[in-house]
Amino acid sequence: MTAETTHATATGQDVRTRQHPARIVAFVNQKGGVGKTTSTVNIAAALALHHTRILVVDIDPQGNATSSFGIDRHSLEATLYDALVGDVEPADSIVPEVRACIDLLPATPVLAGAEVELVDQPRREHRLASTLQAVRNNYDVVLIDSPPSLGLLTVNALTAANGVVIPVQCEYLALEGVSQVLATIDLIRRGLNPTLELLGVLMTMYDGRTRLSAHVVEEVRRYFPDHLFSAVIPRSVRLAEAPSYGQVIAEYDPASRGAVAYAEVAAELRDRLATFE
């Protein structure tokens, strides 16, 4: 995706230096259960199959992205919390190679304390951006899994990001929160991150047997004709099962509808990210 050169360190190890810093994408929706984590980890896995170097950032205190890669959160010596509010270098908080071409900046429930601890800190909305600045040249793409809220952690994700993907469940109630997400994105653009772009709206949990799913997709397409991803993510037991085995869908059931759909979304996202270059 990005041009890179290779040079040798003093130890003789080859190091790839990217000519462009990583493109940072935040998956955001203040409503829970819409597929943010599922989309983040499975799109990361699909991109990595093309030798794209990925960093997944889990900024949700629930740590579901961390668990989805089969990481035991109790075994972690350092996490995103330590990089944001502690004295740990960002690189020392990263779990390398959770999959080929994928590193992880993990989260545990202790991250919830960061919302309180950062309140009185200068440039509190920029803490994640500063953390990622130290490592983003090592990657092609950074994908951020945000919490189901529009609090300080999500604001940090949006301030650090180049683009936003909004996963939307194929239900009417899920549509109600989209306008609030868009209002927050607009506020971030005006006050903290003027270059932030809406990369796309991703329809999830699509059930082709119901008229409701099709109607909701058409309604979203009417409002976002230029931003809706062509591929939709089906409602799938296989997608729901995969995290319990610490696997992404491409590992758990590579021939499933969910795996095929996420491969298509990843290809679309890769094309959209190319416009940043």
C-alpha atoms as a PDB file:
ATOM      1  CA  MET A   1       0.000   0.000   0.000  1.00  0.00           C
ATOM      2  CA  THR A   2       2.875   2.359   0.761  1.00  0.00           C
ATOM      3  CA  ALA A   3       6.346   2.665  -0.621  1.00  0.00           C
ATOM      4  CA  GLU A   4       9.147   1.674   1.696  1.00  0.00           C
ATOM      5  CA  THR A   5      12.888   1.328   1.787  1.00  0.00           C
ATOM      6  CA  THR A   6      15.004  -1.160   3.685  1.00  0.00           C
ATOM      7  CA  HIS A   7      18.159  -0.425   5.615  1.00  0.00           C
ATOM      8  CA  ALA A   8      20.278  -2.379   8.049  1.00  0.00           C
ATOM      9  CA  THR A   9      20.702  -1.491  11.689  1.00  0.00           C
ATOM     10  CA  ALA A  10      23.984  -1.746  13.552  1.00  0.00           C
ATOM     11  CA  THR A  11      22.993  -5.276  14.498  1.00  0.00           C
ATOM     12  CA  GLY A  12      22.498  -6.209  10.863  1.00  0.00           C
ATOM     13  CA  GLN A  13      18.719  -6.512  11.159  1.00  0.00           C
ATOM     14  CA  ASP A  14      16.695  -5.228   8.200  1.00  0.00           C
ATOM     15  CA  VAL A  15      14.277  -2.439   9.112  1.00  0.00           C
ATOM     16  CA  ARG A  16      11.552  -1.187   6.819  1.00  0.00           C
ATOM     17  CA  THR A  17      11.122   2.570   6.730  1.00  0.00           C
ATOM     18  CA  ARG A  18       7.850   3.702   5.203  1.00  0.00           C
ATOM     19  CA  GLN A  19       7.842   6.851   3.110  1.00  0.00           C
ATOM     20  CA  HIS A  20       4.351   7.707   4.393  1.00  0.00           C
ATOM     21  CA  PRO A  21       3.179   7.421   8.001  1.00  0.00           C
ATOM     22  CA  ALA A  22       0.383   4.940   8.605  1.00  0.00           C
ATOM     23  CA  ARG A  23      -3.141   5.905   7.691  1.00  0.00           C
ATOM     24  CA  ILE A  24      -5.163   5.824  10.915  1.00  0.00           C
ATOM     25  CA  VAL A  25      -8.775   4.638  10.819  1.00  0.00           C
ATOM     26  CA  ALA A  26     -11.149   4.781  13.795  1.00  0.00           C
ATOM     27  CA  PHE A  27     -14.190   2.504  13.970  1.00  0.00           C
ATOM     28  CA  VAL A  28     -16.761   4.555  15.865  1.00  0.00           C
ATOM     29  CA  ASN A  29     -20.364   4.263  16.970  1.00  0.00           C
ATOM     30  CA  GLN A  30     -21.614   5.154  20.430  1.00  0.00           C
ATOM     31  CA  LYS A  31     -24.117   2.297  20.244  1.00  0.00           C
ATOM     32  CA  GLY A  32     -22.844  -1.071  21.419  1.00  0.00           C
ATOM     33  CA  GLY A  33     -23.330  -4.336  19.582  1.00  0.00           C
ATOM     34  CA  VAL A  34     -23.080  -2.915  16.059  1.00  0.00           C
ATOM     35  CA  GLY A  35     -19.938  -4.794  15.044  1.00  0.00           C
ATOM     36  CA  LYS A  36     -17.114  -2.335  15.728  1.00  0.00           C
ATOM     37  CA  THR A  37     -14.748  -4.918  17.191  1.00  0.00           C
ATOM     38  CA  THR A  38     -15.717  -7.651  14.747  1.00  0.00           C
ATOM     39  CA  SER A  39     -15.109  -5.250  11.875  1.00  0.00           C
ATOM     40  CA  THR A  40     -11.821  -3.931  13.228  1.00  0.00           C
ATOM     41  CA  VAL A  41     -10.152  -7.304  13.757  1.00  0.00           C
ATOM     42  CA  ASN A  42     -11.486  -8.983  10.631  1.00  0.00           C
ATOM     43  CA  ILE A  43     -10.648  -6.092   8.332  1.00  0.00           C
ATOM     44  CA  ALA A  44      -7.171  -6.026   9.889  1.00  0.00           C
ATOM     45  CA  ALA A  45      -6.774  -9.727   9.133  1.00  0.00           C
ATOM     46  CA  ALA A  46      -8.008  -9.298   5.561  1.00  0.00           C
ATOM     47  CA  LEU A  47      -5.628  -6.388   4.924  1.00  0.00           C
ATOM     48  CA  ALA A  48      -2.720  -8.317   6.430  1.00  0.00           C
ATOM     49  CA  LEU A  49      -3.198 -11.092   3.872  1.00  0.00           C
ATOM     50  CA  HIS A  50      -1.893  -8.590   1.321  1.00  0.00           C
ATOM     51  CA  HIS A  51       1.259  -8.000   3.405  1.00  0.00           C
ATOM     52  CA  THR A  52      -0.055  -4.686   4.671  1.00  0.00           C
ATOM     53  CA  ARG A  53       1.586  -3.956   8.015  1.00  0.00           C
ATOM     54  CA  ILE A  54      -1.195  -3.318  10.564  1.00  0.00           C
ATOM     55  CA  LEU A  55      -1.393  -1.982  14.107  1.00  0.00           C
ATOM     56  CA  VAL A  56      -4.699  -2.648  15.862  1.00  0.00           C
ATOM     57  CA  VAL A  57      -5.340  -0.251  18.748  1.00  0.00           C
ATOM     58  CA  ASP A  58      -7.846  -1.401  21.351  1.00  0.00           C
ATOM     59  CA  ILE A  59      -9.087   1.753  23.054  1.00  0.00           C
ATOM     60  CA  ASP A  60     -12.178   0.073  24.498  1.00  0.00           C
ATOM     61  CA  PRO A  61     -11.777  -0.832  28.203  1.00  0.00           C
ATOM     62  CA  GLN A  62     -13.782  -3.994  27.549  1.00  0.00           C
ATOM     63  CA  GLY A  63     -10.733  -5.210  25.627  1.00  0.00           C
ATOM     64  CA  ASN A  64     -12.746  -7.220  23.122  1.00  0.00           C
ATOM     65  CA  ALA A  65     -10.333  -6.649  20.251  1.00  0.00           C
ATOM     66  CA  THR A  66      -7.534  -7.888  22.494  1.00  0.00           C
ATOM     67  CA  SER A  67      -9.498 -11.037  23.382  1.00  0.00           C
ATOM     68  CA  SER A  68     -10.494 -11.587  19.740  1.00  0.00           C
ATOM     69  CA  PHE A  69      -6.853 -12.224  18.888  1.00  0.00           C
ATOM     70  CA  GLY A  70      -6.636 -14.837  21.645  1.00  0.00           C
ATOM     71  CA  ILE A  71      -4.582 -12.656  23.986  1.00  0.00           C
ATOM     72  CA  ASP A  72      -4.864 -13.362  27.710  1.00  0.00           C
ATOM     73  CA  ARG A  73      -5.358  -9.883  29.147  1.00  0.00           C
ATOM     74  CA  HIS A  74      -4.128 -11.020  32.580  1.00  0.00           C
ATOM     75  CA  SER A  75      -0.726 -11.887  31.118  1.00  0.00           C
ATOM     76  CA  LEU A  76      -0.025  -8.422  29.707  1.00  0.00           C
ATOM     77  CA  GLU A  77       2.816  -6.500  31.316  1.00  0.00           C
ATOM     78  CA  ALA A  78       1.863  -3.205  29.634  1.00  0.00           C
ATOM     79  CA  THR A  79      -1.186  -1.958  27.761  1.00  0.00           C
ATOM     80  CA  LEU A  80      -2.528   1.142  26.049  1.00  0.00           C
ATOM     81  CA  TYR A  81      -3.344   2.554  29.491  1.00  0.00           C
ATOM     82  CA  ASP A  82       0.346   2.579  30.403  1.00  0.00           C
ATOM     83  CA  ALA A  83       1.237   4.340  27.158  1.00  0.00           C
ATOM     84  CA  LEU A  84      -1.477   6.984  27.616  1.00  0.00           C
ATOM     85  CA  VAL A  85      -1.132   7.867  31.291  1.00  0.00           C
ATOM     86  CA  GLY A  86       1.977   6.067  32.497  1.00  0.00           C
ATOM     87  CA  ASP A  87       5.661   6.296  31.729  1.00  0.00           C
ATOM     88  CA  VAL A  88       5.802   3.316  29.373  1.00  0.00           C
ATOM     89  CA  GLU A  89       7.039   3.872  25.838  1.00  0.00           C
ATOM     90  CA  PRO A  90       4.353   3.097  23.222  1.00  0.00           C
ATOM     91  CA  ALA A  91       6.537   0.465  21.569  1.00  0.00           C
ATOM     92  CA  ASP A  92       6.873  -1.346  24.910  1.00  0.00           C
ATOM     93  CA  SER A  93       3.087  -1.633  25.213  1.00  0.00           C
ATOM     94  CA  ILE A  94       2.640  -3.281  21.812  1.00  0.00           C
ATOM     95  CA  VAL A  95       2.104  -7.027  21.486  1.00  0.00           C
ATOM     96  CA  PRO A  96       3.984  -7.951  18.305  1.00  0.00           C
ATOM     97  CA  GLU A  97       2.783 -10.372  15.655  1.00  0.00           C
ATOM     98  CA  VAL A  98      -0.560 -11.407  17.110  1.00  0.00           C
ATOM     99  CA  ARG A  99      -0.989 -12.532  13.520  1.00  0.00           C
ATOM    100  CA  ALA A 100       1.335 -12.274  10.545  1.00  0.00           C
ATOM    101  CA  CYS A 101       1.710  -8.556   9.752  1.00  0.00           C
ATOM    102  CA  ILE A 102      -0.510  -7.520  12.696  1.00  0.00           C
ATOM    103  CA  ASP A 103       0.652  -5.948  15.965  1.00  0.00           C
ATOM    104  CA  LEU A 104      -1.692  -5.054  18.807  1.00  0.00           C
ATOM    105  CA  LEU A 105      -1.818  -2.196  21.294  1.00  0.00           C
ATOM    106  CA  PRO A 106      -4.020  -3.986  23.850  1.00  0.00           C
ATOM    107  CA  ALA A 107      -6.558  -2.864  26.428  1.00  0.00           C
ATOM    108  CA  THR A 108      -7.842  -4.132  29.755  1.00  0.00           C
ATOM    109  CA  PRO A 109     -10.618  -2.764  32.018  1.00  0.00           C
ATOM    110  CA  VAL A 110      -8.077  -0.539  33.786  1.00  0.00           C
ATOM    111  CA  LEU A 111      -8.203   1.695  30.701  1.00  0.00           C
ATOM    112  CA  ALA A 112     -11.552   3.004  31.973  1.00  0.00           C
ATOM    113  CA  GLY A 113      -9.578   4.945  34.563  1.00  0.00           C
ATOM    114  CA  ALA A 114      -7.895   6.946  31.832  1.00  0.00           C
ATOM    115  CA  GLU A 115     -11.127   8.855  31.199  1.00  0.00           C
ATOM    116  CA  VAL A 116     -10.828  10.279  34.728  1.00  0.00           C
ATOM    117  CA  GLU A 117      -7.047  10.586  34.925  1.00  0.00           C
ATOM    118  CA  LEU A 118      -6.747  12.510  31.678  1.00  0.00           C
ATOM    119  CA  VAL A 119      -9.410  15.097  32.478  1.00  0.00           C
ATOM    120  CA  ASP A 120      -6.990  17.600  34.024  1.00  0.00           C
ATOM    121  CA  GLN A 121      -4.099  16.846  31.674  1.00  0.00           C
ATOM    122  CA  PRO A 122      -2.970  19.340  29.019  1.00  0.00           C
ATOM    123  CA  ARG A 123      -3.950  18.393  25.465  1.00  0.00           C
ATOM    124  CA  ARG A 124      -5.900  15.475  26.876  1.00  0.00           C
ATOM    125  CA  GLU A 125      -7.697  14.897  23.552  1.00  0.00           C
ATOM    126  CA  HIS A 126      -4.337  14.408  21.793  1.00  0.00           C
ATOM    127  CA  ARG A 127      -2.829  11.731  24.048  1.00  0.00           C
ATOM    128  CA  LEU A 128      -3.524   8.864  21.656  1.00  0.00           C
ATOM    129  CA  ALA A 129      -2.291  10.894  18.677  1.00  0.00           C
ATOM    130  CA  SER A 130       0.975  11.552  20.505  1.00  0.00           C
ATOM    131  CA  THR A 131       1.263   7.883  21.474  1.00  0.00           C
ATOM    132  CA  LEU A 132       0.783   6.717  17.891  1.00  0.00           C
ATOM    133  CA  GLN A 133       3.132   9.335  16.494  1.00  0.00           C
ATOM    134  CA  ALA A 134       6.015   7.447  18.079  1.00  0.00           C
ATOM    135  CA  VAL A 135       5.224   4.199  16.227  1.00  0.00           C
ATOM    136  CA  ARG A 136       3.079   4.950  13.177  1.00  0.00           C
ATOM    137  CA  ASN A 137       6.022   4.977  10.755  1.00  0.00           C
ATOM    138  CA  ASN A 138       6.379   1.243  11.420  1.00  0.00           C
ATOM    139  CA  TYR A 139       2.978   0.508   9.869  1.00  0.00           C
ATOM    140  CA  ASP A 140       0.915   0.989   6.728  1.00  0.00           C
ATOM    141  CA  VAL A 141      -2.452   1.187   8.492  1.00  0.00           C
ATOM    142  CA  VAL A 142      -3.562   1.689  12.102  1.00  0.00           C
ATOM    143  CA  LEU A 143      -7.086   0.509  12.976  1.00  0.00           C
ATOM    144  CA  ILE A 144      -8.653   1.774  16.221  1.00  0.00           C
ATOM    145  CA  ASP A 145     -11.472  -0.118  17.943  1.00  0.00           C
ATOM    146  CA  SER A 146     -13.381   2.526  19.922  1.00  0.00           C
ATOM    147  CA  PRO A 147     -15.649   2.071  22.947  1.00  0.00           C
ATOM    148  CA  PRO A 148     -19.455   2.287  22.661  1.00  0.00           C
ATOM    149  CA  SER A 149     -19.573   5.899  23.827  1.00  0.00           C
ATOM    150  CA  LEU A 150     -18.610   9.375  22.680  1.00  0.00           C
ATOM    151  CA  GLY A 151     -16.444  10.069  25.728  1.00  0.00           C
ATOM    152  CA  LEU A 152     -12.820  11.115  26.014  1.00  0.00           C
ATOM    153  CA  LEU A 153     -11.392   7.832  24.735  1.00  0.00           C
ATOM    154  CA  THR A 154     -13.446   8.025  21.534  1.00  0.00           C
ATOM    155  CA  VAL A 155     -12.546  11.701  21.164  1.00  0.00           C
ATOM    156  CA  ASN A 156      -8.885  10.653  21.385  1.00  0.00           C
ATOM    157  CA  ALA A 157      -9.489   8.073  18.645  1.00  0.00           C
ATOM    158  CA  LEU A 158     -11.101  10.658  16.368  1.00  0.00           C
ATOM    159  CA  THR A 159      -8.400  13.233  17.049  1.00  0.00           C
ATOM    160  CA  ALA A 160      -5.696  10.723  16.108  1.00  0.00           C
ATOM    161  CA  ALA A 161      -7.444   9.391  12.994  1.00  0.00           C
ATOM    162  CA  ASN A 162      -7.287  10.333   9.338  1.00  0.00           C
ATOM    163  CA  GLY A 163     -10.616   8.653   8.656  1.00  0.00           C
ATOM    164  CA  VAL A 164     -13.679   7.173  10.325  1.00  0.00           C
ATOM    165  CA  VAL A 165     -15.679   4.043   9.571  1.00  0.00           C
ATOM    166  CA  ILE A 166     -19.132   3.900  11.165  1.00  0.00           C
ATOM    167  CA  PRO A 167     -20.498   0.363  11.531  1.00  0.00           C
ATOM    168  CA  VAL A 168     -24.309   0.433  11.558  1.00  0.00           C
ATOM    169  CA  GLN A 169     -26.477  -2.523  12.489  1.00  0.00           C
ATOM    170  CA  CYS A 170     -29.355  -3.182  10.080  1.00  0.00           C
ATOM    171  CA  GLU A 171     -32.022  -2.028  12.528  1.00  0.00           C
ATOM    172  CA  TYR A 172     -33.968   1.207  12.794  1.00  0.00           C
ATOM    173  CA  LEU A 173     -32.813   1.888  16.345  1.00  0.00           C
ATOM    174  CA  ALA A 174     -29.210   1.694  15.183  1.00  0.00           C
ATOM    175  CA  LEU A 175     -29.881   4.509  12.708  1.00  0.00           C
ATOM    176  CA  GLU A 176     -30.888   6.909  15.447  1.00  0.00           C
ATOM    177  CA  GLY A 177     -27.359   7.232  16.766  1.00  0.00           C
ATOM    178  CA  VAL A 178     -25.676   7.911  13.436  1.00  0.00           C
ATOM    179  CA  SER A 179     -26.579  11.598  13.465  1.00  0.00           C
ATOM    180  CA  GLN A 180     -24.959  11.927  16.897  1.00  0.00           C
ATOM    181  CA  VAL A 181     -21.758  10.316  15.607  1.00  0.00           C
ATOM    182  CA  LEU A 182     -21.734  12.694  12.634  1.00  0.00           C
ATOM    183  CA  ALA A 183     -22.246  15.682  14.942  1.00  0.00           C
ATOM    184  CA  THR A 184     -19.281  14.539  17.037  1.00  0.00           C
ATOM    185  CA  ILE A 185     -17.127  14.097  13.920  1.00  0.00           C
ATOM    186  CA  ASP A 186     -18.051  17.641  12.864  1.00  0.00           C
ATOM    187  CA  LEU A 187     -17.059  18.992  16.285  1.00  0.00           C
ATOM    188  CA  ILE A 188     -13.729  17.175  16.109  1.00  0.00           C
ATOM    189  CA  ARG A 189     -13.083  18.598  12.648  1.00  0.00           C
ATOM    190  CA  ARG A 190     -13.790  22.153  13.794  1.00  0.00           C
ATOM    191  CA  GLY A 191     -11.865  22.004  17.032  1.00  0.00           C
ATOM    192  CA  LEU A 192      -9.232  19.257  17.054  1.00  0.00           C
ATOM    193  CA  ASN A 193      -8.659  17.485  13.736  1.00  0.00           C
ATOM    194  CA  PRO A 194      -9.629  19.488  10.625  1.00  0.00           C
ATOM    195  CA  THR A 195      -8.435  16.788   8.207  1.00  0.00           C
ATOM    196  CA  LEU A 196     -10.666  14.031   9.619  1.00  0.00           C
ATOM    197  CA  GLU A 197     -12.695  12.316   6.869  1.00  0.00           C
ATOM    198  CA  LEU A 198     -15.680  10.003   6.854  1.00  0.00           C
ATOM    199  CA  LEU A 199     -14.274   6.974   5.056  1.00  0.00           C
ATOM    200  CA  GLY A 200     -17.457   4.979   5.005  1.00  0.00           C
ATOM    201  CA  VAL A 201     -20.581   3.602   6.622  1.00  0.00           C
ATOM    202  CA  LEU A 202     -20.523  -0.172   7.000  1.00  0.00           C
ATOM    203  CA  MET A 203     -23.800  -2.070   7.292  1.00  0.00           C
ATOM    204  CA  THR A 204     -23.532  -5.031   9.666  1.00  0.00           C
ATOM    205  CA  MET A 205     -25.741  -7.917  10.796  1.00  0.00           C
ATOM    206  CA  TYR A 206     -27.626  -7.908   7.518  1.00  0.00           C
ATOM    207  CA  ASP A 207     -30.381 -10.522   7.312  1.00  0.00           C
ATOM    208  CA  GLY A 208     -31.392 -11.099   3.707  1.00  0.00           C
ATOM    209  CA  ARG A 209     -34.528 -12.949   4.807  1.00  0.00           C
ATOM    210  CA  THR A 210     -36.134  -9.770   6.158  1.00  0.00           C
ATOM    211  CA  ARG A 211     -37.433  -6.683   4.426  1.00  0.00           C
ATOM    212  CA  LEU A 212     -36.196  -4.620   7.345  1.00  0.00           C
ATOM    213  CA  SER A 213     -32.497  -5.148   6.596  1.00  0.00           C
ATOM    214  CA  ALA A 214     -32.907  -4.218   2.941  1.00  0.00           C
ATOM    215  CA  HIS A 215     -34.990  -1.178   3.843  1.00  0.00           C
ATOM    216  CA  VAL A 216     -32.455   0.076   6.382  1.00  0.00           C
ATOM    217  CA  VAL A 217     -29.612  -0.305   3.863  1.00  0.00           C
ATOM    218  CA  GLU A 218     -31.583   1.704   1.290  1.00  0.00           C
ATOM    219  CA  GLU A 219     -32.328   4.382   3.879  1.00  0.00           C
ATOM    220  CA  VAL A 220     -28.656   4.700   4.757  1.00  0.00           C
ATOM    221  CA  ARG A 221     -27.702   4.744   1.078  1.00  0.00           C
ATOM    222  CA  ARG A 222     -30.087   7.653   0.552  1.00  0.00           C
ATOM    223  CA  TYR A 223     -28.292   9.689   3.222  1.00  0.00           C
ATOM    224  CA  PHE A 224     -24.750   8.521   2.390  1.00  0.00           C
ATOM    225  CA  PRO A 225     -24.717   7.829  -1.367  1.00  0.00           C
ATOM    226  CA  ASP A 226     -20.950   8.342  -1.602  1.00  0.00           C
ATOM    227  CA  HIS A 227     -19.892   6.726   1.663  1.00  0.00           C
ATOM    228  CA  LEU A 228     -21.752   3.444   2.001  1.00  0.00           C
ATOM    229  CA  PHE A 229     -19.554   0.371   1.537  1.00  0.00           C
ATOM    230  CA  SER A 230     -20.834  -1.813  -1.291  1.00  0.00           C
ATOM    231  CA  ALA A 231     -20.354  -4.997   0.721  1.00  0.00           C
ATOM    232  CA  VAL A 232     -22.609  -5.654   3.702  1.00  0.00           C
ATOM    233  CA  ILE A 233     -21.741  -7.884   6.643  1.00  0.00           C
ATOM    234  CA  PRO A 234     -24.269 -10.688   7.130  1.00  0.00           C
ATOM    235  CA  ARG A 235     -25.767 -11.758  10.403  1.00  0.00           C
ATOM    236  CA  SER A 236     -23.697 -14.862  11.021  1.00  0.00           C
ATOM    237  CA  VAL A 237     -23.305 -17.416  13.776  1.00  0.00           C
ATOM    238  CA  ARG A 238     -19.800 -18.145  12.486  1.00  0.00           C
ATOM    239  CA  LEU A 239     -18.767 -14.511  12.970  1.00  0.00           C
ATOM    240  CA  ALA A 240     -20.133 -14.601  16.505  1.00  0.00           C
ATOM    241  CA  GLU A 241     -18.375 -17.876  17.326  1.00  0.00           C
ATOM    242  CA  ALA A 242     -14.891 -17.012  16.031  1.00  0.00           C
ATOM    243  CA  PRO A 243     -13.792 -14.727  18.931  1.00  0.00           C
ATOM    244  CA  SER A 244     -14.578 -17.399  21.496  1.00  0.00           C
ATOM    245  CA  TYR A 245     -11.821 -19.467  19.871  1.00  0.00           C
ATOM    246  CA  GLY A 246      -9.438 -16.495  19.715  1.00  0.00           C
ATOM    247  CA  GLN A 247      -9.688 -16.513  15.932  1.00  0.00           C
ATOM    248  CA  VAL A 248     -10.646 -14.129  13.161  1.00  0.00           C
ATOM    249  CA  ILE A 249     -13.243 -15.331  10.674  1.00  0.00           C
ATOM    250  CA  ALA A 250     -10.637 -15.943   7.944  1.00  0.00           C
ATOM    251  CA  GLU A 251      -9.097 -18.562  10.243  1.00  0.00           C
ATOM    252  CA  TYR A 252     -12.251 -19.979  11.783  1.00  0.00           C
ATOM    253  CA  ASP A 253     -14.253 -20.389   8.568  1.00  0.00           C
ATOM    254  CA  PRO A 254     -12.521 -18.842   5.541  1.00  0.00           C
ATOM    255  CA  ALA A 255     -15.276 -19.943   3.141  1.00  0.00           C
ATOM    256  CA  SER A 256     -18.096 -18.417   5.168  1.00  0.00           C
ATOM    257  CA  ARG A 257     -20.215 -15.492   3.996  1.00  0.00           C
ATOM    258  CA  GLY A 258     -18.746 -13.357   6.765  1.00  0.00           C
ATOM    259  CA  ALA A 259     -15.162 -14.026   5.692  1.00  0.00           C
ATOM    260  CA  VAL A 260     -15.980 -13.220   2.067  1.00  0.00           C
ATOM    261  CA  ALA A 261     -17.812 -10.021   3.053  1.00  0.00           C
ATOM    262  CA  TYR A 262     -14.954  -8.740   5.211  1.00  0.00           C
ATOM    263  CA  ALA A 263     -12.462  -9.462   2.415  1.00  0.00           C
ATOM    264  CA  GLU A 264     -14.605  -7.315   0.109  1.00  0.00           C
ATOM    265  CA  VAL A 265     -14.863  -4.492   2.655  1.00  0.00           C
ATOM    266  CA  ALA A 266     -11.101  -4.589   3.220  1.00  0.00           C
ATOM    267  CA  ALA A 267     -10.524  -4.248  -0.527  1.00  0.00           C
ATOM    268  CA  GLU A 268     -12.859  -1.244  -0.638  1.00  0.00           C
ATOM    269  CA  LEU A 269     -11.170   0.316   2.378  1.00  0.00           C
ATOM    270  CA  ARG A 270      -7.750  -0.188   0.814  1.00  0.00           C
ATOM    271  CA  ASP A 271      -8.914   1.713  -2.278  1.00  0.00           C
ATOM    272  CA  ARG A 272     -10.330   4.547  -0.174  1.00  0.00           C
ATOM    273  CA  LEU A 273      -7.155   4.810   1.890  1.00  0.00           C
ATOM    274  CA  ALA A 274      -5.133   5.132  -1.308  1.00  0.00           C
ATOM    275  CA  THR A 275      -6.699   8.587  -1.817  1.00  0.00           C
ATOM    276  CA  PHE A 276      -4.759   9.798   1.243  1.00  0.00           C
ATOM    277  CA  GLU A 277      -1.446   9.161  -0.490  1.00  0.00           C
END
